[in-house]
Protein backbone atom coordinates (compact mmCIF):
# COMPACT_ATOMS: atom_id res chain seq x y z
CA MET A 1 0.00 0.00 0.00
CA LYS A 2 1.43 3.36 -1.05
CA LYS A 3 0.95 6.13 1.52
CA ILE A 4 0.97 9.88 1.05
CA ASN A 5 0.85 12.30 3.96
CA LEU A 6 -0.76 15.68 3.48
CA VAL A 7 -0.26 18.83 5.47
CA LEU A 8 -3.27 20.96 4.61
CA PHE A 9 -2.89 24.73 4.81
CA GLY A 10 -6.24 26.50 4.55
CA THR A 11 -9.57 25.30 5.92
CA GLY A 12 -11.92 27.56 3.97
CA ASN A 13 -14.33 26.34 1.30
CA VAL A 14 -11.79 24.44 -0.81
CA GLY A 15 -9.77 23.04 2.10
CA SER A 16 -12.79 21.75 4.02
CA LYS A 17 -14.34 20.24 0.87
CA LEU A 18 -11.02 18.51 0.13
CA VAL A 19 -10.91 16.83 3.56
CA HIS A 20 -14.51 15.68 3.07
CA GLN A 21 -13.68 14.25 -0.37
CA VAL A 22 -10.55 12.49 0.92
CA LEU A 23 -12.55 10.86 3.73
CA GLN A 24 -15.26 9.88 1.26
CA ALA A 25 -12.79 8.39 -1.26
CA ARG A 26 -10.42 6.79 1.26
CA LYS A 27 -11.80 3.23 1.11
CA ILE A 28 -12.15 3.07 -2.67
CA LEU A 29 -8.64 4.53 -3.20
CA GLN A 30 -7.18 1.89 -0.91
CA GLU A 31 -9.05 -0.95 -2.62
CA LYS A 32 -8.73 0.11 -6.27
CA GLU A 33 -5.57 2.24 -6.39
CA GLY A 34 -3.60 0.80 -3.48
CA LEU A 35 -3.28 4.35 -2.18
CA GLU A 36 -3.71 5.54 1.39
CA ILE A 37 -4.11 9.29 1.91
CA ASN A 38 -3.46 10.56 5.43
CA ILE A 39 -3.79 14.13 6.68
CA PRO A 40 -1.72 14.26 9.88
CA VAL A 41 -1.70 18.08 10.03
CA ILE A 42 -4.46 20.59 9.29
CA ALA A 43 -3.73 24.30 9.69
CA ASN A 44 -5.51 27.56 9.07
CA SER A 45 -3.93 30.99 9.28
CA THR A 46 -3.82 30.98 13.10
CA ILE A 47 -3.98 27.44 14.51
CA ALA A 48 -2.84 23.92 13.62
CA PHE A 49 -4.04 20.48 14.66
CA PHE A 50 -1.74 17.44 14.71
CA GLN A 51 -3.30 13.97 14.53
CA LYS A 52 -1.31 10.75 14.55
CA GLU A 53 -4.19 8.49 13.52
CA ASN A 54 -6.27 8.75 10.33
CA GLN A 55 -8.28 11.92 9.92
CA GLN A 56 -11.80 11.66 11.34
CA PRO A 57 -15.08 13.26 10.17
CA SER A 58 -14.93 15.33 13.38
CA TRP A 59 -11.78 17.14 12.20
CA GLU A 60 -13.37 20.61 12.23
CA THR A 61 -14.41 20.23 15.86
CA ASP A 62 -11.00 18.79 16.71
CA LEU A 63 -9.22 21.71 15.02
CA GLU A 64 -11.28 24.17 17.03
CA LYS A 65 -10.92 22.24 20.28
CA PHE A 66 -7.32 21.00 20.12
CA GLY A 67 -5.71 23.39 17.61
CA PHE A 68 -2.96 25.66 18.87
CA PRO A 69 -1.12 28.75 17.58
CA TYR A 70 1.82 27.67 15.47
CA LYS A 71 4.78 28.73 13.36
CA LEU A 72 5.73 26.82 10.22
CA ASN A 73 8.81 25.45 11.98
CA ASP A 74 6.53 23.69 14.49
CA ILE A 75 4.96 21.72 11.65
CA LEU A 76 8.30 21.02 9.95
CA GLU A 77 9.75 19.74 13.23
CA TYR A 78 6.66 17.59 13.92
CA VAL A 79 6.68 15.82 10.54
CA ARG A 80 10.45 15.30 10.84
CA GLN A 81 10.03 13.63 14.25
CA GLN A 82 7.20 11.44 12.94
CA ASN A 83 9.33 10.48 9.94
CA TYR A 84 6.41 10.72 7.50
CA GLU A 85 6.99 9.47 3.97
CA ASN A 86 5.77 11.10 0.75
CA LEU A 87 4.98 14.48 2.28
CA ILE A 88 2.75 16.86 0.33
CA ALA A 89 1.90 20.42 1.35
CA VAL A 90 -1.54 21.38 0.08
CA ASP A 91 -1.96 25.14 -0.31
CA ALA A 92 -5.71 25.78 -0.15
CA THR A 93 -5.17 29.38 0.97
CA ALA A 94 -5.35 32.49 -1.18
CA SER A 95 -2.42 33.94 0.75
CA GLU A 96 0.44 36.01 -0.68
CA GLU A 97 2.45 35.49 2.50
CA PHE A 98 2.12 31.71 2.63
CA VAL A 99 3.81 31.34 -0.75
CA ASP A 100 6.99 32.71 0.88
CA HIS A 101 7.14 29.38 2.78
CA TYR A 102 7.29 27.23 -0.36
CA PHE A 103 11.10 27.20 -0.40
CA SER A 104 11.29 26.03 3.24
CA LEU A 105 8.69 23.35 2.56
CA ILE A 106 10.59 22.05 -0.47
CA GLU A 107 13.88 22.03 1.46
CA SER A 108 12.11 20.07 4.22
CA GLY A 109 11.04 17.31 1.84
CA PHE A 110 7.58 18.43 0.72
CA HIS A 111 6.02 18.22 -2.70
CA ILE A 112 3.40 20.95 -3.26
CA VAL A 113 -0.14 20.89 -4.61
CA ALA A 114 -1.67 24.36 -4.80
CA ALA A 115 -5.12 25.76 -5.46
CA ASN A 116 -3.53 29.13 -4.61
CA LYS A 117 -2.51 31.01 -7.79
CA VAL A 118 -0.02 33.39 -6.17
CA ALA A 119 3.19 31.38 -6.75
CA ASN A 120 2.55 31.20 -10.48
CA THR A 121 1.67 34.88 -10.91
CA ARG A 122 4.50 36.58 -9.05
CA SER A 123 7.49 37.97 -10.93
CA SER A 124 9.19 35.86 -13.60
CA GLN A 125 12.24 35.78 -11.34
CA PHE A 126 10.28 34.15 -8.49
CA TYR A 127 8.58 31.79 -10.96
CA LEU A 128 11.93 30.55 -12.28
CA GLU A 129 13.62 30.38 -8.85
CA LEU A 130 10.79 28.23 -7.51
CA ARG A 131 11.17 25.77 -10.36
CA LYS A 132 14.94 25.69 -9.88
CA LYS A 133 14.43 24.86 -6.18
CA LEU A 134 11.97 22.08 -7.08
CA ARG A 135 14.50 20.57 -9.52
CA GLU A 136 17.35 20.78 -7.00
CA HIS A 137 15.33 18.84 -4.42
CA HIS A 138 13.58 16.51 -6.90
CA LYS A 139 10.13 17.69 -5.82
CA PHE A 140 6.87 18.04 -7.73
CA PHE A 141 4.55 21.05 -7.92
CA PHE A 142 0.99 20.46 -9.18
CA TYR A 143 -1.49 23.31 -9.70
CA GLU A 144 -4.10 22.22 -12.24
CA THR A 145 -6.86 24.07 -10.37
CA ASN A 146 -5.12 27.44 -10.83
CA VAL A 147 -7.06 27.79 -14.10
CA GLY A 148 -10.50 26.31 -14.73
CA ALA A 149 -10.93 24.68 -11.29
CA GLY A 150 -11.39 20.98 -12.16
CA LEU A 151 -11.07 21.35 -15.94
CA PRO A 152 -7.81 19.94 -17.43
CA ILE A 153 -6.51 23.17 -18.97
CA VAL A 154 -2.96 23.37 -17.58
CA GLU A 155 -2.24 19.68 -18.22
CA THR A 156 -3.54 19.90 -21.80
CA LEU A 157 -1.39 22.93 -22.63
CA ARG A 158 1.63 21.37 -20.95
CA SER A 159 1.18 18.21 -23.03
CA PHE A 160 1.01 20.23 -26.25
CA HIS A 161 4.08 22.24 -25.28
CA ARG A 162 6.14 19.17 -24.35
CA SER A 163 5.20 17.30 -27.52
CA ASN A 164 6.27 20.30 -29.62
CA GLU A 165 2.71 20.94 -30.81
CA ARG A 166 2.71 24.68 -31.51
CA VAL A 167 -0.09 26.45 -29.68
CA THR A 168 -0.95 29.68 -31.51
CA LYS A 169 -3.77 31.08 -29.40
CA VAL A 170 -5.79 30.44 -26.24
CA ARG A 171 -9.03 32.27 -25.56
CA GLY A 172 -11.91 31.64 -23.25
CA VAL A 173 -14.29 32.60 -20.49
CA PHE A 174 -11.99 32.18 -17.49
CA SER A 175 -14.20 33.55 -14.70
CA GLY A 176 -17.16 31.61 -13.31
CA SER A 177 -18.59 34.75 -11.73
CA LEU A 178 -18.35 36.85 -14.91
CA SER A 179 -19.64 33.91 -16.94
CA TYR A 180 -22.76 33.79 -14.77
CA ILE A 181 -23.20 37.57 -14.85
CA PHE A 182 -23.02 37.96 -18.65
CA ASN A 183 -24.82 34.68 -19.45
CA THR A 184 -27.72 35.83 -17.27
CA TYR A 185 -27.63 39.48 -18.34
CA CYS A 186 -27.83 38.59 -22.04
CA ALA A 187 -30.58 35.99 -21.51
CA GLU A 188 -32.90 37.95 -19.21
CA GLU A 189 -34.50 41.39 -19.10
CA LYS A 190 -32.79 42.53 -15.91
CA ALA A 191 -30.64 45.50 -14.99
CA PHE A 192 -26.92 44.77 -14.76
CA SER A 193 -26.84 45.80 -11.08
CA GLU A 194 -29.64 43.32 -10.33
CA VAL A 195 -27.76 40.45 -11.98
CA LEU A 196 -24.60 41.48 -10.11
CA SER A 197 -26.48 41.35 -6.79
CA GLU A 198 -27.93 37.92 -7.64
CA ALA A 199 -24.43 36.63 -8.42
CA GLY A 200 -23.29 37.80 -4.97
CA VAL A 201 -26.23 36.14 -3.19
CA LYS A 202 -25.48 32.86 -5.00
CA GLY A 203 -21.85 33.03 -3.90
CA PHE A 204 -20.37 33.46 -7.38
CA THR A 205 -18.62 36.79 -6.74
CA GLU A 206 -16.09 37.84 -4.13
CA PRO A 207 -17.50 39.73 -1.10
CA ASP A 208 -16.36 42.85 -2.98
CA PRO A 209 -17.63 42.26 -6.56
CA ARG A 210 -15.21 44.89 -7.87
CA VAL A 211 -12.52 42.21 -7.50
CA ASP A 212 -14.35 40.15 -10.15
CA LEU A 213 -15.24 43.12 -12.34
CA SER A 214 -11.64 44.38 -12.37
CA GLY A 215 -10.61 41.42 -14.57
CA LYS A 216 -7.41 40.93 -12.57
CA ASP A 217 -8.19 37.35 -11.59
CA VAL A 218 -8.73 36.45 -15.24
CA ALA A 219 -5.43 38.18 -16.07
CA ARG A 220 -3.63 36.03 -13.48
CA LYS A 221 -5.03 32.86 -15.03
CA LEU A 222 -3.99 34.08 -18.48
CA LEU A 223 -0.47 34.76 -17.19
CA ILE A 224 -0.25 31.22 -15.78
CA LEU A 225 -1.16 29.72 -19.17
CA GLY A 226 1.22 32.04 -21.01
CA ARG A 227 4.11 31.03 -18.77
CA GLU A 228 3.16 27.36 -19.16
CA LEU A 229 3.70 27.85 -22.90
CA GLY A 230 7.08 29.51 -22.42
CA LEU A 231 6.12 33.19 -22.53
CA GLU A 232 8.23 35.28 -20.16
CA LYS A 233 5.63 37.87 -19.23
CA GLU A 234 4.87 39.96 -16.17
CA PHE A 235 1.39 40.71 -14.84
CA GLU A 236 1.86 44.40 -15.65
CA GLU A 237 2.18 43.58 -19.37
CA ILE A 238 -1.41 42.31 -19.62
CA THR A 239 -4.02 44.64 -21.11
CA ILE A 240 -7.05 44.55 -18.79
CA GLN A 241 -10.44 46.14 -19.40
CA ASP A 242 -11.67 47.16 -15.94
CA LEU A 243 -15.47 47.03 -15.84
CA VAL A 244 -15.67 49.35 -12.82
CA PRO A 245 -15.90 53.08 -13.62
CA PRO A 246 -13.30 55.28 -11.86
CA HIS A 247 -15.76 56.81 -9.37
CA LEU A 248 -16.69 53.32 -8.08
CA ASN A 249 -13.25 51.70 -8.05
CA GLY A 250 -11.17 50.55 -5.09
CA GLN A 251 -10.47 54.12 -4.01
CA SER A 252 -14.06 54.33 -2.74
CA THR A 253 -15.68 52.19 -0.04
CA LEU A 254 -17.59 48.98 -0.71
CA LYS A 255 -20.65 50.63 0.84
CA ASN A 256 -20.36 53.47 -1.67
CA PHE A 257 -20.11 50.95 -4.52
CA HIS A 258 -23.28 49.14 -3.44
CA GLU A 259 -25.14 52.43 -3.05
CA LYS A 260 -24.14 53.55 -6.55
CA LYS A 261 -23.89 50.27 -8.48
CA LYS A 262 -26.94 51.26 -10.53
CA ASP A 263 -24.53 53.65 -12.26
CA LEU A 264 -23.34 50.52 -14.10
CA ASP A 265 -26.77 49.91 -15.64
CA PRO A 266 -26.69 52.47 -18.50
CA ILE A 267 -23.13 51.45 -19.42
CA PHE A 268 -24.07 47.82 -19.99
CA LEU A 269 -27.52 48.58 -21.38
CA LYS A 270 -25.83 50.55 -24.17
CA LEU A 271 -23.66 47.51 -25.02
CA LYS A 272 -26.69 45.23 -24.91
CA LYS A 273 -28.70 47.45 -27.26
CA GLU A 274 -25.87 47.39 -29.81
CA LEU A 275 -26.05 43.57 -30.07
CA LYS A 276 -27.58 41.85 -33.08
CA GLN A 277 -30.31 39.30 -32.36
CA ASP A 278 -27.92 36.34 -32.56
CA GLU A 279 -25.18 37.96 -30.43
CA VAL A 280 -24.24 38.02 -26.75
CA ILE A 281 -21.62 39.74 -24.57
CA ARG A 282 -18.86 37.61 -23.07
CA HIS A 283 -15.92 38.42 -20.81
CA VAL A 284 -12.84 36.72 -22.23
CA GLY A 285 -9.15 36.29 -21.71
CA GLU A 286 -7.10 35.95 -24.87
CA LEU A 287 -3.49 34.90 -25.31
CA ASP A 288 -1.91 35.29 -28.75
CA LEU A 289 1.35 33.35 -28.92
CA GLN A 290 2.31 34.88 -32.27
CA THR A 291 2.21 38.47 -31.03
CA GLY A 292 2.81 37.78 -27.33
CA ILE A 293 -0.24 39.91 -26.46
CA LEU A 294 -2.38 39.01 -23.42
CA ASP A 295 -5.83 40.65 -23.31
CA VAL A 296 -8.74 40.65 -20.86
CA LYS A 297 -11.83 42.27 -22.34
CA LEU A 298 -15.52 42.20 -23.26
CA VAL A 299 -16.31 40.79 -26.70
CA THR A 300 -19.37 40.08 -28.83
CA GLU A 301 -19.97 36.40 -29.64
CA LYS A 302 -22.52 34.52 -31.73
CA ARG A 303 -25.05 32.74 -29.49
CA THR A 304 -24.22 29.43 -31.18
CA SER A 305 -20.43 29.65 -30.63
CA ALA A 306 -18.60 27.75 -27.88
CA LEU A 307 -18.34 30.90 -25.77
CA GLY A 308 -21.72 32.30 -26.77
CA SER A 309 -23.63 29.16 -25.81
CA LEU A 310 -22.33 29.04 -22.24
CA GLN A 311 -24.84 28.77 -19.41
CA ASN A 312 -24.86 29.37 -15.66
CA ALA A 313 -21.30 29.85 -14.34
CA ASP A 314 -19.56 27.51 -16.78
CA SER A 315 -16.18 28.21 -18.34
CA SER A 316 -15.01 27.44 -21.86
CA PHE A 317 -11.48 27.43 -23.26
CA GLU A 318 -10.51 27.36 -26.93
CA ILE A 319 -6.99 26.14 -27.71
CA PHE A 320 -5.74 26.82 -31.24
CA THR A 321 -2.74 24.83 -32.47
CA GLU A 322 -1.02 24.19 -35.80
CA SER A 323 -2.55 20.71 -36.04
CA TYR A 324 -6.07 21.80 -35.12
CA GLY A 325 -5.92 24.76 -37.51
CA GLU A 326 -9.03 26.95 -37.47
CA GLN A 327 -10.97 24.37 -35.42
CA PRO A 328 -9.81 24.79 -31.82
CA LEU A 329 -9.83 22.16 -29.12
CA VAL A 330 -12.65 23.24 -26.78
CA ILE A 331 -12.66 22.37 -23.07
CA LYS A 332 -15.91 23.32 -21.42
CA GLY A 333 -17.62 22.78 -18.07
CA ALA A 334 -17.89 23.94 -14.48
CA GLY A 335 -14.88 26.19 -14.08
CA ALA A 336 -15.57 27.53 -10.60
CA GLY A 337 -16.80 26.46 -7.18
CA ALA A 338 -15.27 24.94 -4.06
CA ALA A 339 -16.43 21.37 -4.75
CA VAL A 340 -15.00 21.14 -8.29
CA THR A 341 -11.80 22.91 -7.21
CA ALA A 342 -11.33 20.48 -4.30
CA ARG A 343 -11.97 17.58 -6.69
CA GLY A 344 -9.28 18.99 -8.97
CA VAL A 345 -6.85 19.18 -6.03
CA LEU A 346 -7.65 15.56 -5.15
CA THR A 347 -6.99 14.57 -8.77
CA ASP A 348 -3.61 16.35 -8.58
CA LEU A 349 -2.81 14.45 -5.38
CA ILE A 350 -3.59 11.10 -7.00
CA LYS A 351 -1.49 11.99 -10.08
CA LEU A 352 1.39 13.08 -7.88
CA ALA A 353 1.11 9.88 -5.82
CA GLU A 354 1.62 7.84 -9.00
CA LYS A 355 5.09 9.41 -9.32
CA LEU A 356 6.13 8.60 -5.74
CA PRO A 357 7.69 5.42 -4.31
CA SER A 358 5.62 2.88 -2.36
């Protein structure tokens, strides 16, 4: 029986769903894959819980009851004393600061699986230094869920790149929240501000929806794909269409934004009125490998196209290559949500386990 030992950092939506899925899949993974997944350490930003036996369904109560304030060195020392094999740090945070610990984790024998996008969107220098450190210590870094949650976007592009299949362009609806907003707005007779509020109630947007509307998260995902294909680009080089007018941007309070969000309605109504009957508005990220240009913007699409026919909060990615010509490979499905992201992390863990010794 092959064993992997996870140290989970982050117990929010994705982290908690991941523990639930691991517990649910434990028996079948042991029987069918010969794989045992243990989670001896669970930590959030303030406390950690160490458990020598297999993780129990009561882990959330145990973390609250028995968790204690910690420093990373406490965890590193604990796993060293326990002599755990096949250690994997799971980064289910969204933390800038936590990524600074990656080098220490790698040096201490950890592989890394990350839902957190930060490590792949920092400077090119950091990006390259991290990969150098991984090579030096013969460690793996999996991050499929950085783009498209559970959809196999990163792995597909990596496979094309490694097999010398020339990718010429990648475009798609990268944001689940903006997918829902524009799919709904173009299908229903509602004000933009009303659709935006609905998206917040359903949990699609960030607590501050200006984060979604800024397009920066889509730009980060685009940067990750560009770097995967060998482009040495910085975040600042991406052209981003910010959907928030200057008087409602981050310089003003969230309360002020909510009070005045109806100011968005005439802006988007004008765009909607300019559409032909068979057209819709979509928010896309586009990466042109021939020009090196990365764009985040609103576009007009035919309703019958891959991007135009999207529903709910689904994502769709079009990958153009020399072999596929004008007919792109389309990957489409649920590209957001804690459950599908956690499932993608679990898939990464299983793939990583296949590369490790028994």
